[in-house]
Amino acid sequence: MIRALFVMSSLLMVQPAVQAADGYPCQWVRGRLSTYNGNPTFRIWPQGTRRLLGVVGEKPGETEDAAILPIAVRKADPGFERDIWGSFRVCPVTPERKGLMRMVRMVDARDLRVRER
């Protein structure tokens, strides 16, 4: 019995440190965070791609308020008049589908630079 518990606890330690609620692994994405008129308000364009990631909150419908963003991003004061470039740690909420915006939760950000439009 003790051996089985040891094996189970060892396997749990090997799991990724952070995972999205839906089982998709969190990852760092380098790109541009912009504010859009529409839903979701905040979107990330991963540099070098032709897609957008929609930033949503933990609860359904949480997309309009900057409170869903990490503190470092809120301090950069996102808005319609500026873009924020940097590395964003995102946890996917929806599966990746060709031609559709993938919804993600942003859990961290670093190396941020603000650029006026």
PDB file of N, CA and C in Angstrom:
ATOM      1  N   MET A   1       0.822  -1.197   0.000  1.00  0.00           N
ATOM      2  CA  MET A   1       0.000   0.000   0.000  1.00  0.00           C
ATOM      3  C   MET A   1       0.862   1.257   0.000  1.00  0.00           C
ATOM      4  N   ILE A   2       1.889   1.263   0.854  1.00  0.00           N
ATOM      5  CA  ILE A   2       2.770   2.428   0.933  1.00  0.00           C
ATOM      6  C   ILE A   2       3.514   2.614  -0.382  1.00  0.00           C
ATOM      7  N   ARG A   3       3.918   1.511  -0.989  1.00  0.00           N
ATOM      8  CA  ARG A   3       4.620   1.592  -2.267  1.00  0.00           C
ATOM      9  C   ARG A   3       3.712   2.197  -3.341  1.00  0.00           C
ATOM     10  N   ALA A   4       2.452   1.798  -3.370  1.00  0.00           N
ATOM     11  CA  ALA A   4       1.507   2.341  -4.344  1.00  0.00           C
ATOM     12  C   ALA A   4       1.328   3.844  -4.152  1.00  0.00           C
ATOM     13  N   LEU A   5       1.237   4.286  -2.909  1.00  0.00           N
ATOM     14  CA  LEU A   5       1.119   5.725  -2.643  1.00  0.00           C
ATOM     15  C   LEU A   5       2.369   6.467  -3.090  1.00  0.00           C
ATOM     16  N   PHE A   6       3.533   5.875  -2.864  1.00  0.00           N
ATOM     17  CA  PHE A   6       4.781   6.499  -3.289  1.00  0.00           C
ATOM     18  C   PHE A   6       4.829   6.636  -4.808  1.00  0.00           C
ATOM     19  N   VAL A   7       4.443   5.584  -5.524  1.00  0.00           N
ATOM     20  CA  VAL A   7       4.437   5.621  -6.988  1.00  0.00           C
ATOM     21  C   VAL A   7       3.470   6.688  -7.488  1.00  0.00           C
ATOM     22  N   MET A   8       2.283   6.756  -6.910  1.00  0.00           N
ATOM     23  CA  MET A   8       1.294   7.758  -7.328  1.00  0.00           C
ATOM     24  C   MET A   8       1.796   9.171  -7.072  1.00  0.00           C
ATOM     25  N   SER A   9       2.385   9.410  -5.907  1.00  0.00           N
ATOM     26  CA  SER A   9       2.881  10.752  -5.605  1.00  0.00           C
ATOM     27  C   SER A   9       4.050  11.113  -6.509  1.00  0.00           C
ATOM     28  N   SER A  10       4.875  10.143  -6.885  1.00  0.00           N
ATOM     29  CA  SER A  10       5.985  10.395  -7.807  1.00  0.00           C
ATOM     30  C   SER A  10       5.472  10.786  -9.182  1.00  0.00           C
ATOM     31  N   LEU A  11       4.432  10.124  -9.639  1.00  0.00           N
ATOM     32  CA  LEU A  11       3.852  10.451 -10.939  1.00  0.00           C
ATOM     33  C   LEU A  11       3.241  11.845 -10.942  1.00  0.00           C
ATOM     34  N   LEU A  12       2.629  12.235  -9.857  1.00  0.00           N
ATOM     35  CA  LEU A  12       2.035  13.567  -9.777  1.00  0.00           C
ATOM     36  C   LEU A  12       3.094  14.656  -9.833  1.00  0.00           C
ATOM     37  N   MET A  13       4.272  14.405  -9.298  1.00  0.00           N
ATOM     38  CA  MET A  13       5.339  15.401  -9.322  1.00  0.00           C
ATOM     39  C   MET A  13       5.892  15.607 -10.722  1.00  0.00           C
ATOM     40  N   VAL A  14       5.725  14.657 -11.619  1.00  0.00           N
ATOM     41  CA  VAL A  14       6.241  14.752 -12.971  1.00  0.00           C
ATOM     42  C   VAL A  14       5.320  15.577 -13.867  1.00  0.00           C
ATOM     43  N   GLN A  15       4.086  15.798 -13.459  1.00  0.00           N
ATOM     44  CA  GLN A  15       3.121  16.540 -14.262  1.00  0.00           C
ATOM     45  C   GLN A  15       3.582  17.977 -14.458  1.00  0.00           C
ATOM     46  N   PRO A  16       3.177  18.645 -15.561  1.00  0.00           N
ATOM     47  CA  PRO A  16       3.531  20.041 -15.766  1.00  0.00           C
ATOM     48  C   PRO A  16       3.053  20.898 -14.599  1.00  0.00           C
ATOM     49  N   ALA A  17       3.833  21.923 -14.276  1.00  0.00           N
ATOM     50  CA  ALA A  17       3.533  22.765 -13.115  1.00  0.00           C
ATOM     51  C   ALA A  17       2.218  23.516 -13.276  1.00  0.00           C
ATOM     52  N   VAL A  18       1.952  24.028 -14.470  1.00  0.00           N
ATOM     53  CA  VAL A  18       0.736  24.804 -14.689  1.00  0.00           C
ATOM     54  C   VAL A  18       0.016  24.245 -15.900  1.00  0.00           C
ATOM     55  N   GLN A  19      -1.262  24.023 -15.756  1.00  0.00           N
ATOM     56  CA  GLN A  19      -2.082  23.595 -16.878  1.00  0.00           C
ATOM     57  C   GLN A  19      -3.395  24.336 -16.823  1.00  0.00           C
ATOM     58  N   ALA A  20      -3.944  24.589 -17.969  1.00  0.00           N
ATOM     59  CA  ALA A  20      -5.253  25.221 -18.024  1.00  0.00           C
ATOM     60  C   ALA A  20      -6.289  24.249 -17.480  1.00  0.00           C
ATOM     61  N   ALA A  21      -7.418  24.793 -17.097  1.00  0.00           N
ATOM     62  CA  ALA A  21      -8.477  23.977 -16.509  1.00  0.00           C
ATOM     63  C   ALA A  21      -8.948  22.880 -17.459  1.00  0.00           C
ATOM     64  N   ASP A  22      -8.895  23.135 -18.751  1.00  0.00           N
ATOM     65  CA  ASP A  22      -9.386  22.169 -19.721  1.00  0.00           C
ATOM     66  C   ASP A  22      -8.326  21.165 -20.158  1.00  0.00           C
ATOM     67  N   GLY A  23      -7.159  21.189 -19.521  1.00  0.00           N
ATOM     68  CA  GLY A  23      -6.136  20.214 -19.829  1.00  0.00           C
ATOM     69  C   GLY A  23      -5.140  20.628 -20.887  1.00  0.00           C
ATOM     70  N   TYR A  24      -5.264  21.815 -21.443  1.00  0.00           N
ATOM     71  CA  TYR A  24      -4.298  22.284 -22.428  1.00  0.00           C
ATOM     72  C   TYR A  24      -3.113  22.900 -21.686  1.00  0.00           C
ATOM     73  N   PRO A  25      -1.885  22.586 -22.075  1.00  0.00           N
ATOM     74  CA  PRO A  25      -0.729  23.112 -21.347  1.00  0.00           C
ATOM     75  C   PRO A  25      -0.555  24.617 -21.554  1.00  0.00           C
ATOM     76  N   CYS A  26      -0.173  25.300 -20.490  1.00  0.00           N
ATOM     77  CA  CYS A  26       0.125  26.728 -20.575  1.00  0.00           C
ATOM     78  C   CYS A  26       1.468  26.900 -21.271  1.00  0.00           C
ATOM     79  N   GLN A  27       1.626  28.040 -21.950  1.00  0.00           N
ATOM     80  CA  GLN A  27       2.867  28.285 -22.678  1.00  0.00           C
ATOM     81  C   GLN A  27       3.153  29.779 -22.765  1.00  0.00           C
ATOM     82  N   TRP A  28       4.403  30.118 -23.018  1.00  0.00           N
ATOM     83  CA  TRP A  28       4.796  31.506 -23.236  1.00  0.00           C
ATOM     84  C   TRP A  28       4.638  31.822 -24.713  1.00  0.00           C
ATOM     85  N   VAL A  29       4.054  32.985 -24.996  1.00  0.00           N
ATOM     86  CA  VAL A  29       3.849  33.446 -26.363  1.00  0.00           C
ATOM     87  C   VAL A  29       4.440  34.846 -26.467  1.00  0.00           C
ATOM     88  N   ARG A  30       5.284  35.059 -27.454  1.00  0.00           N
ATOM     89  CA  ARG A  30       5.846  36.391 -27.704  1.00  0.00           C
ATOM     90  C   ARG A  30       4.970  37.063 -28.747  1.00  0.00           C
ATOM     91  N   GLY A  31       4.521  38.299 -28.463  1.00  0.00           N
ATOM     92  CA  GLY A  31       3.661  38.964 -29.427  1.00  0.00           C
ATOM     93  C   GLY A  31       3.152  40.301 -28.951  1.00  0.00           C
ATOM     94  N   ARG A  32       2.046  40.728 -29.556  1.00  0.00           N
ATOM     95  CA  ARG A  32       1.456  42.044 -29.304  1.00  0.00           C
ATOM     96  C   ARG A  32       0.065  41.885 -28.708  1.00  0.00           C
ATOM     97  N   LEU A  33      -0.151  42.546 -27.576  1.00  0.00           N
ATOM     98  CA  LEU A  33      -1.477  42.604 -26.959  1.00  0.00           C
ATOM     99  C   LEU A  33      -2.129  43.904 -27.398  1.00  0.00           C
ATOM    100  N   SER A  34      -3.326  43.809 -27.959  1.00  0.00           N
ATOM    101  CA  SER A  34      -4.063  44.988 -28.414  1.00  0.00           C
ATOM    102  C   SER A  34      -5.472  44.965 -27.852  1.00  0.00           C
ATOM    103  N   THR A  35      -6.063  46.146 -27.805  1.00  0.00           N
ATOM    104  CA  THR A  35      -7.447  46.295 -27.361  1.00  0.00           C
ATOM    105  C   THR A  35      -8.316  46.454 -28.602  1.00  0.00           C
ATOM    106  N   TYR A  36      -9.391  45.706 -28.665  1.00  0.00           N
ATOM    107  CA  TYR A  36     -10.283  45.711 -29.826  1.00  0.00           C
ATOM    108  C   TYR A  36     -11.691  46.105 -29.412  1.00  0.00           C
ATOM    109  N   ASN A  37     -12.429  46.628 -30.363  1.00  0.00           N
ATOM    110  CA  ASN A  37     -13.842  46.890 -30.173  1.00  0.00           C
ATOM    111  C   ASN A  37     -14.570  45.614 -30.582  1.00  0.00           C
ATOM    112  N   GLY A  38     -15.048  44.875 -29.632  1.00  0.00           N
ATOM    113  CA  GLY A  38     -15.687  43.588 -29.897  1.00  0.00           C
ATOM    114  C   GLY A  38     -15.357  42.625 -28.780  1.00  0.00           C
ATOM    115  N   ASN A  39     -15.716  41.386 -28.992  1.00  0.00           N
ATOM    116  CA  ASN A  39     -15.540  40.399 -27.945  1.00  0.00           C
ATOM    117  C   ASN A  39     -14.614  39.289 -28.429  1.00  0.00           C
ATOM    118  N   PRO A  40     -13.559  38.986 -27.734  1.00  0.00           N
ATOM    119  CA  PRO A  40     -13.063  39.595 -26.508  1.00  0.00           C
ATOM    120  C   PRO A  40     -12.325  40.908 -26.782  1.00  0.00           C
ATOM    121  N   THR A  41     -12.290  41.752 -25.777  1.00  0.00           N
ATOM    122  CA  THR A  41     -11.668  43.068 -25.910  1.00  0.00           C
ATOM    123  C   THR A  41     -10.167  42.956 -26.107  1.00  0.00           C
ATOM    124  N   PHE A  42      -9.515  42.087 -25.338  1.00  0.00           N
ATOM    125  CA  PHE A  42      -8.056  41.963 -25.399  1.00  0.00           C
ATOM    126  C   PHE A  42      -7.679  40.751 -26.236  1.00  0.00           C
ATOM    127  N   ARG A  43      -6.756  40.982 -27.186  1.00  0.00           N
ATOM    128  CA  ARG A  43      -6.324  39.907 -28.080  1.00  0.00           C
ATOM    129  C   ARG A  43      -4.816  39.962 -28.249  1.00  0.00           C
ATOM    130  N   ILE A  44      -4.229  38.792 -28.388  1.00  0.00           N
ATOM    131  CA  ILE A  44      -2.786  38.685 -28.588  1.00  0.00           C
ATOM    132  C   ILE A  44      -2.529  38.185 -30.004  1.00  0.00           C
ATOM    133  N   TRP A  45      -1.644  38.893 -30.696  1.00  0.00           N
ATOM    134  CA  TRP A  45      -1.163  38.422 -31.992  1.00  0.00           C
ATOM    135  C   TRP A  45       0.211  37.802 -31.751  1.00  0.00           C
ATOM    136  N   PRO A  46       0.327  36.464 -31.785  1.00  0.00           N
ATOM    137  CA  PRO A  46       1.642  35.843 -31.621  1.00  0.00           C
ATOM    138  C   PRO A  46       2.536  36.207 -32.808  1.00  0.00           C
ATOM    139  N   GLN A  47       3.694  36.745 -32.496  1.00  0.00           N
ATOM    140  CA  GLN A  47       4.623  37.217 -33.516  1.00  0.00           C
ATOM    141  C   GLN A  47       4.961  36.101 -34.497  1.00  0.00           C
ATOM    142  N   GLY A  48       4.918  36.423 -35.787  1.00  0.00           N
ATOM    143  CA  GLY A  48       5.263  35.465 -36.825  1.00  0.00           C
ATOM    144  C   GLY A  48       4.133  34.550 -37.246  1.00  0.00           C
ATOM    145  N   THR A  49       2.919  34.809 -36.758  1.00  0.00           N
ATOM    146  CA  THR A  49       1.775  33.969 -37.131  1.00  0.00           C
ATOM    147  C   THR A  49       0.709  34.820 -37.816  1.00  0.00           C
ATOM    148  N   ARG A  50      -0.333  34.154 -38.271  1.00  0.00           N
ATOM    149  CA  ARG A  50      -1.474  34.842 -38.873  1.00  0.00           C
ATOM    150  C   ARG A  50      -2.739  34.581 -38.063  1.00  0.00           C
ATOM    151  N   ARG A  51      -2.597  34.484 -36.749  1.00  0.00           N
ATOM    152  CA  ARG A  51      -3.761  34.182 -35.918  1.00  0.00           C
ATOM    153  C   ARG A  51      -3.841  35.126 -34.736  1.00  0.00           C
ATOM    154  N   LEU A  52      -4.980  35.122 -34.072  1.00  0.00           N
ATOM    155  CA  LEU A  52      -5.190  35.908 -32.861  1.00  0.00           C
ATOM    156  C   LEU A  52      -5.615  34.982 -31.730  1.00  0.00           C
ATOM    157  N   LEU A  53      -5.189  35.338 -30.520  1.00  0.00           N
ATOM    158  CA  LEU A  53      -5.630  34.648 -29.310  1.00  0.00           C
ATOM    159  C   LEU A  53      -6.515  35.613 -28.537  1.00  0.00           C
ATOM    160  N   GLY A  54      -7.721  35.213 -28.218  1.00  0.00           N
ATOM    161  CA  GLY A  54      -8.639  36.049 -27.449  1.00  0.00           C
ATOM    162  C   GLY A  54      -8.441  35.815 -25.964  1.00  0.00           C
ATOM    163  N   VAL A  55      -8.230  36.900 -25.207  1.00  0.00           N
ATOM    164  CA  VAL A  55      -7.978  36.787 -23.769  1.00  0.00           C
ATOM    165  C   VAL A  55      -9.304  36.873 -23.021  1.00  0.00           C
ATOM    166  N   VAL A  56      -9.605  35.838 -22.250  1.00  0.00           N
ATOM    167  CA  VAL A  56     -10.843  35.781 -21.469  1.00  0.00           C
ATOM    168  C   VAL A  56     -10.498  35.559 -20.002  1.00  0.00           C
ATOM    169  N   GLY A  57     -11.493  35.739 -19.134  1.00  0.00           N
ATOM    170  CA  GLY A  57     -11.307  35.511 -17.704  1.00  0.00           C
ATOM    171  C   GLY A  57     -11.631  34.084 -17.322  1.00  0.00           C
ATOM    172  N   GLU A  58     -11.557  33.822 -16.028  1.00  0.00           N
ATOM    173  CA  GLU A  58     -11.841  32.472 -15.537  1.00  0.00           C
ATOM    174  C   GLU A  58     -13.317  32.129 -15.620  1.00  0.00           C
ATOM    175  N   LYS A  59     -14.172  33.134 -15.443  1.00  0.00           N
ATOM    176  CA  LYS A  59     -15.617  32.909 -15.482  1.00  0.00           C
ATOM    177  C   LYS A  59     -16.151  33.265 -16.866  1.00  0.00           C
ATOM    178  N   PRO A  60     -17.175  32.572 -17.337  1.00  0.00           N
ATOM    179  CA  PRO A  60     -17.766  32.908 -18.634  1.00  0.00           C
ATOM    180  C   PRO A  60     -18.236  34.359 -18.658  1.00  0.00           C
ATOM    181  N   GLY A  61     -17.939  35.048 -19.747  1.00  0.00           N
ATOM    182  CA  GLY A  61     -18.363  36.434 -19.894  1.00  0.00           C
ATOM    183  C   GLY A  61     -17.358  37.447 -19.393  1.00  0.00           C
ATOM    184  N   GLU A  62     -16.280  37.008 -18.746  1.00  0.00           N
ATOM    185  CA  GLU A  62     -15.254  37.935 -18.269  1.00  0.00           C
ATOM    186  C   GLU A  62     -14.292  38.253 -19.409  1.00  0.00           C
ATOM    187  N   THR A  63     -14.608  39.252 -20.198  1.00  0.00           N
ATOM    188  CA  THR A  63     -13.724  39.614 -21.306  1.00  0.00           C
ATOM    189  C   THR A  63     -13.530  41.114 -21.432  1.00  0.00           C
ATOM    190  N   GLU A  64     -14.353  41.899 -20.798  1.00  0.00           N
ATOM    191  CA  GLU A  64     -14.342  43.336 -21.033  1.00  0.00           C
ATOM    192  C   GLU A  64     -13.445  44.124 -20.098  1.00  0.00           C
ATOM    193  N   ASP A  65     -13.153  43.612 -18.927  1.00  0.00           N
ATOM    194  CA  ASP A  65     -12.475  44.370 -17.889  1.00  0.00           C
ATOM    195  C   ASP A  65     -10.990  44.024 -17.844  1.00  0.00           C
ATOM    196  N   ALA A  66     -10.147  45.037 -17.624  1.00  0.00           N
ATOM    197  CA  ALA A  66      -8.704  44.808 -17.524  1.00  0.00           C
ATOM    198  C   ALA A  66      -8.343  43.976 -16.301  1.00  0.00           C
ATOM    199  N   ALA A  67      -9.276  43.750 -15.394  1.00  0.00           N
ATOM    200  CA  ALA A  67      -9.009  42.943 -14.198  1.00  0.00           C
ATOM    201  C   ALA A  67      -8.658  41.500 -14.546  1.00  0.00           C
ATOM    202  N   ILE A  68      -8.979  41.040 -15.759  1.00  0.00           N
ATOM    203  CA  ILE A  68      -8.634  39.675 -16.159  1.00  0.00           C
ATOM    204  C   ILE A  68      -7.162  39.559 -16.533  1.00  0.00           C
ATOM    205  N   LEU A  69      -6.455  40.697 -16.628  1.00  0.00           N
ATOM    206  CA  LEU A  69      -5.054  40.710 -17.038  1.00  0.00           C
ATOM    207  C   LEU A  69      -4.135  40.671 -15.821  1.00  0.00           C
ATOM    208  N   PRO A  70      -2.927  40.117 -15.972  1.00  0.00           N
ATOM    209  CA  PRO A  70      -1.959  40.143 -14.870  1.00  0.00           C
ATOM    210  C   PRO A  70      -1.593  41.583 -14.494  1.00  0.00           C
ATOM    211  N   ILE A  71      -1.127  41.777 -13.279  1.00  0.00           N
ATOM    212  CA  ILE A  71      -0.815  43.116 -12.775  1.00  0.00           C
ATOM    213  C   ILE A  71       0.201  43.829 -13.661  1.00  0.00           C
ATOM    214  N   ALA A  72       1.224  43.123 -14.134  1.00  0.00           N
ATOM    215  CA  ALA A  72       2.250  43.753 -14.975  1.00  0.00           C
ATOM    216  C   ALA A  72       1.640  44.358 -16.232  1.00  0.00           C
ATOM    217  N   VAL A  73       0.648  43.693 -16.800  1.00  0.00           N
ATOM    218  CA  VAL A  73      -0.010  44.208 -18.007  1.00  0.00           C
ATOM    219  C   VAL A  73      -0.907  45.386 -17.650  1.00  0.00           C
ATOM    220  N   ARG A  74      -1.620  45.293 -16.535  1.00  0.00           N
ATOM    221  CA  ARG A  74      -2.482  46.412 -16.112  1.00  0.00           C
ATOM    222  C   ARG A  74      -1.666  47.669 -15.862  1.00  0.00           C
ATOM    223  N   LYS A  75      -0.464  47.517 -15.317  1.00  0.00           N
ATOM    224  CA  LYS A  75       0.403  48.676 -15.080  1.00  0.00           C
ATOM    225  C   LYS A  75       0.831  49.335 -16.386  1.00  0.00           C
ATOM    226  N   ALA A  76       0.906  48.567 -17.466  1.00  0.00           N
ATOM    227  CA  ALA A  76       1.254  49.114 -18.780  1.00  0.00           C
ATOM    228  C   ALA A  76       0.083  49.867 -19.396  1.00  0.00           C
ATOM    229  N   ASP A  77      -1.069  49.827 -18.741  1.00  0.00           N
ATOM    230  CA  ASP A  77      -2.259  50.582 -19.136  1.00  0.00           C
ATOM    231  C   ASP A  77      -2.713  50.292 -20.567  1.00  0.00           C
ATOM    232  N   PRO A  78      -3.201  49.068 -20.821  1.00  0.00           N
ATOM    233  CA  PRO A  78      -3.654  48.745 -22.176  1.00  0.00           C
ATOM    234  C   PRO A  78      -4.848  49.603 -22.575  1.00  0.00           C
ATOM    235  N   GLY A  79      -4.904  49.961 -23.838  1.00  0.00           N
ATOM    236  CA  GLY A  79      -6.015  50.770 -24.320  1.00  0.00           C
ATOM    237  C   GLY A  79      -6.024  50.826 -25.833  1.00  0.00           C
ATOM    238  N   PHE A  80      -7.027  51.516 -26.370  1.00  0.00           N
ATOM    239  CA  PHE A  80      -7.178  51.602 -27.821  1.00  0.00           C
ATOM    240  C   PHE A  80      -6.052  52.392 -28.473  1.00  0.00           C
ATOM    241  N   GLU A  81      -5.367  53.239 -27.715  1.00  0.00           N
ATOM    242  CA  GLU A  81      -4.338  54.096 -28.294  1.00  0.00           C
ATOM    243  C   GLU A  81      -2.926  53.513 -28.195  1.00  0.00           C
ATOM    244  N   ARG A  82      -2.782  52.321 -27.622  1.00  0.00           N
ATOM    245  CA  ARG A  82      -1.441  51.734 -27.482  1.00  0.00           C
ATOM    246  C   ARG A  82      -1.490  50.209 -27.569  1.00  0.00           C
ATOM    247  N   ASP A  83      -0.388  49.655 -28.031  1.00  0.00           N
ATOM    248  CA  ASP A  83      -0.190  48.203 -28.063  1.00  0.00           C
ATOM    249  C   ASP A  83       0.874  47.850 -27.037  1.00  0.00           C
ATOM    250  N   ILE A  84       0.802  46.649 -26.507  1.00  0.00           N
ATOM    251  CA  ILE A  84       1.793  46.177 -25.549  1.00  0.00           C
ATOM    252  C   ILE A  84       2.476  44.948 -26.146  1.00  0.00           C
ATOM    253  N   TRP A  85       3.781  45.084 -26.374  1.00  0.00           N
ATOM    254  CA  TRP A  85       4.585  43.980 -26.886  1.00  0.00           C
ATOM    255  C   TRP A  85       5.274  43.292 -25.721  1.00  0.00           C
ATOM    256  N   GLY A  86       5.406  41.985 -25.782  1.00  0.00           N
ATOM    257  CA  GLY A  86       6.094  41.269 -24.721  1.00  0.00           C
ATOM    258  C   GLY A  86       5.882  39.774 -24.820  1.00  0.00           C
ATOM    259  N   SER A  87       6.240  39.105 -23.739  1.00  0.00           N
ATOM    260  CA  SER A  87       6.021  37.660 -23.620  1.00  0.00           C
ATOM    261  C   SER A  87       4.868  37.444 -22.651  1.00  0.00           C
ATOM    262  N   PHE A  88       3.901  36.663 -23.081  1.00  0.00           N
ATOM    263  CA  PHE A  88       2.690  36.437 -22.294  1.00  0.00           C
ATOM    264  C   PHE A  88       2.542  34.940 -22.029  1.00  0.00           C
ATOM    265  N   ARG A  89       2.314  34.591 -20.771  1.00  0.00           N
ATOM    266  CA  ARG A  89       2.049  33.181 -20.433  1.00  0.00           C
ATOM    267  C   ARG A  89       0.548  32.977 -20.513  1.00  0.00           C
ATOM    268  N   VAL A  90       0.142  32.127 -21.442  1.00  0.00           N
ATOM    269  CA  VAL A  90      -1.281  31.909 -21.686  1.00  0.00           C
ATOM    270  C   VAL A  90      -1.638  30.442 -21.473  1.00  0.00           C
ATOM    271  N   CYS A  91      -2.857  30.234 -20.999  1.00  0.00           N
ATOM    272  CA  CYS A  91      -3.409  28.896 -20.811  1.00  0.00           C
ATOM    273  C   CYS A  91      -4.638  28.776 -21.708  1.00  0.00           C
ATOM    274  N   PRO A  92      -4.575  27.943 -22.741  1.00  0.00           N
ATOM    275  CA  PRO A  92      -5.710  27.805 -23.649  1.00  0.00           C
ATOM    276  C   PRO A  92      -6.971  27.316 -22.939  1.00  0.00           C
ATOM    277  N   VAL A  93      -8.095  27.864 -23.359  1.00  0.00           N
ATOM    278  CA  VAL A  93      -9.400  27.490 -22.817  1.00  0.00           C
ATOM    279  C   VAL A  93     -10.172  26.681 -23.853  1.00  0.00           C
ATOM    280  N   THR A  94      -9.917  26.948 -25.120  1.00  0.00           N
ATOM    281  CA  THR A  94     -10.596  26.244 -26.209  1.00  0.00           C
ATOM    282  C   THR A  94      -9.558  25.511 -27.054  1.00  0.00           C
ATOM    283  N   PRO A  95      -9.970  24.474 -27.772  1.00  0.00           N
ATOM    284  CA  PRO A  95      -9.016  23.779 -28.641  1.00  0.00           C
ATOM    285  C   PRO A  95      -8.614  24.658 -29.820  1.00  0.00           C
ATOM    286  N   GLU A  96      -7.472  24.355 -30.389  1.00  0.00           N
ATOM    287  CA  GLU A  96      -7.012  25.092 -31.560  1.00  0.00           C
ATOM    288  C   GLU A  96      -7.765  24.588 -32.786  1.00  0.00           C
ATOM    289  N   ARG A  97      -8.374  25.523 -33.510  1.00  0.00           N
ATOM    290  CA  ARG A  97      -9.114  25.182 -34.728  1.00  0.00           C
ATOM    291  C   ARG A  97      -8.722  26.155 -35.821  1.00  0.00           C
ATOM    292  N   LYS A  98      -8.429  25.630 -36.977  1.00  0.00           N
ATOM    293  CA  LYS A  98      -8.010  26.452 -38.102  1.00  0.00           C
ATOM    294  C   LYS A  98      -9.101  27.464 -38.449  1.00  0.00           C
ATOM    295  N   GLY A  99      -8.701  28.722 -38.590  1.00  0.00           N
ATOM    296  CA  GLY A  99      -9.633  29.772 -38.986  1.00  0.00           C
ATOM    297  C   GLY A  99     -10.422  30.397 -37.853  1.00  0.00           C
ATOM    298  N   LEU A 100     -10.282  29.900 -36.613  1.00  0.00           N
ATOM    299  CA  LEU A 100     -11.014  30.452 -35.473  1.00  0.00           C
ATOM    300  C   LEU A 100     -10.048  31.005 -34.433  1.00  0.00           C
ATOM    301  N   MET A 101     -10.472  32.062 -33.755  1.00  0.00           N
ATOM    302  CA  MET A 101      -9.678  32.626 -32.677  1.00  0.00           C
ATOM    303  C   MET A 101      -9.701  31.666 -31.490  1.00  0.00           C
ATOM    304  N   ARG A 102      -8.535  31.384 -30.945  1.00  0.00           N
ATOM    305  CA  ARG A 102      -8.444  30.507 -29.775  1.00  0.00           C
ATOM    306  C   ARG A 102      -8.521  31.355 -28.513  1.00  0.00           C
ATOM    307  N   MET A 103      -9.379  30.954 -27.587  1.00  0.00           N
ATOM    308  CA  MET A 103      -9.533  31.678 -26.329  1.00  0.00           C
ATOM    309  C   MET A 103      -8.502  31.171 -25.322  1.00  0.00           C
ATOM    310  N   VAL A 104      -7.888  32.124 -24.615  1.00  0.00           N
ATOM    311  CA  VAL A 104      -6.862  31.800 -23.627  1.00  0.00           C
ATOM    312  C   VAL A 104      -7.065  32.647 -22.378  1.00  0.00           C
ATOM    313  N   ARG A 105      -6.506  32.188 -21.267  1.00  0.00           N
ATOM    314  CA  ARG A 105      -6.392  33.002 -20.056  1.00  0.00           C
ATOM    315  C   ARG A 105      -4.944  33.439 -19.963  1.00  0.00           C
ATOM    316  N   MET A 106      -4.712  34.710 -19.684  1.00  0.00           N
ATOM    317  CA  MET A 106      -3.351  35.198 -19.516  1.00  0.00           C
ATOM    318  C   MET A 106      -3.013  35.148 -18.029  1.00  0.00           C
ATOM    319  N   VAL A 107      -1.947  34.422 -17.676  1.00  0.00           N
ATOM    320  CA  VAL A 107      -1.606  34.252 -16.265  1.00  0.00           C
ATOM    321  C   VAL A 107      -0.337  34.989 -15.859  1.00  0.00           C
ATOM    322  N   ASP A 108       0.473  35.428 -16.822  1.00  0.00           N
ATOM    323  CA  ASP A 108       1.704  36.146 -16.497  1.00  0.00           C
ATOM    324  C   ASP A 108       2.183  36.892 -17.733  1.00  0.00           C
ATOM    325  N   ALA A 109       3.066  37.851 -17.507  1.00  0.00           N
ATOM    326  CA  ALA A 109       3.644  38.619 -18.606  1.00  0.00           C
ATOM    327  C   ALA A 109       5.007  39.136 -18.175  1.00  0.00           C
ATOM    328  N   ARG A 110       5.903  39.294 -19.151  1.00  0.00           N
ATOM    329  CA  ARG A 110       7.239  39.826 -18.862  1.00  0.00           C
ATOM    330  C   ARG A 110       7.792  40.520 -20.102  1.00  0.00           C
ATOM    331  N   ASP A 111       8.855  41.286 -19.892  1.00  0.00           N
ATOM    332  CA  ASP A 111       9.531  42.011 -20.979  1.00  0.00           C
ATOM    333  C   ASP A 111       8.550  42.870 -21.773  1.00  0.00           C
ATOM    334  N   LEU A 112       7.736  43.641 -21.084  1.00  0.00           N
ATOM    335  CA  LEU A 112       6.690  44.425 -21.742  1.00  0.00           C
ATOM    336  C   LEU A 112       7.222  45.757 -22.249  1.00  0.00           C
ATOM    337  N   ARG A 113       6.765  46.131 -23.441  1.00  0.00           N
ATOM    338  CA  ARG A 113       7.087  47.424 -24.038  1.00  0.00           C
ATOM    339  C   ARG A 113       5.802  48.009 -24.605  1.00  0.00           C
ATOM    340  N   VAL A 114       5.551  49.259 -24.264  1.00  0.00           N
ATOM    341  CA  VAL A 114       4.341  49.938 -24.736  1.00  0.00           C
ATOM    342  C   VAL A 114       4.687  50.709 -25.999  1.00  0.00           C
ATOM    343  N   ARG A 115       3.819  50.599 -26.989  1.00  0.00           N
ATOM    344  CA  ARG A 115       4.013  51.317 -28.246  1.00  0.00           C
ATOM    345  C   ARG A 115       2.718  52.035 -28.600  1.00  0.00           C
ATOM    346  N   GLU A 116       2.805  53.354 -28.738  1.00  0.00           N
ATOM    347  CA  GLU A 116       1.633  54.147 -29.121  1.00  0.00           C
ATOM    348  C   GLU A 116       1.279  53.845 -30.567  1.00  0.00           C
ATOM    349  N   ARG A 117      -0.016  53.864 -30.866  1.00  0.00           N
ATOM    350  CA  ARG A 117      -0.464  53.609 -32.248  1.00  0.00           C
ATOM    351  C   ARG A 117      -0.362  54.870 -33.069  1.00  0.00           C
TER     352      ARG A 117
END
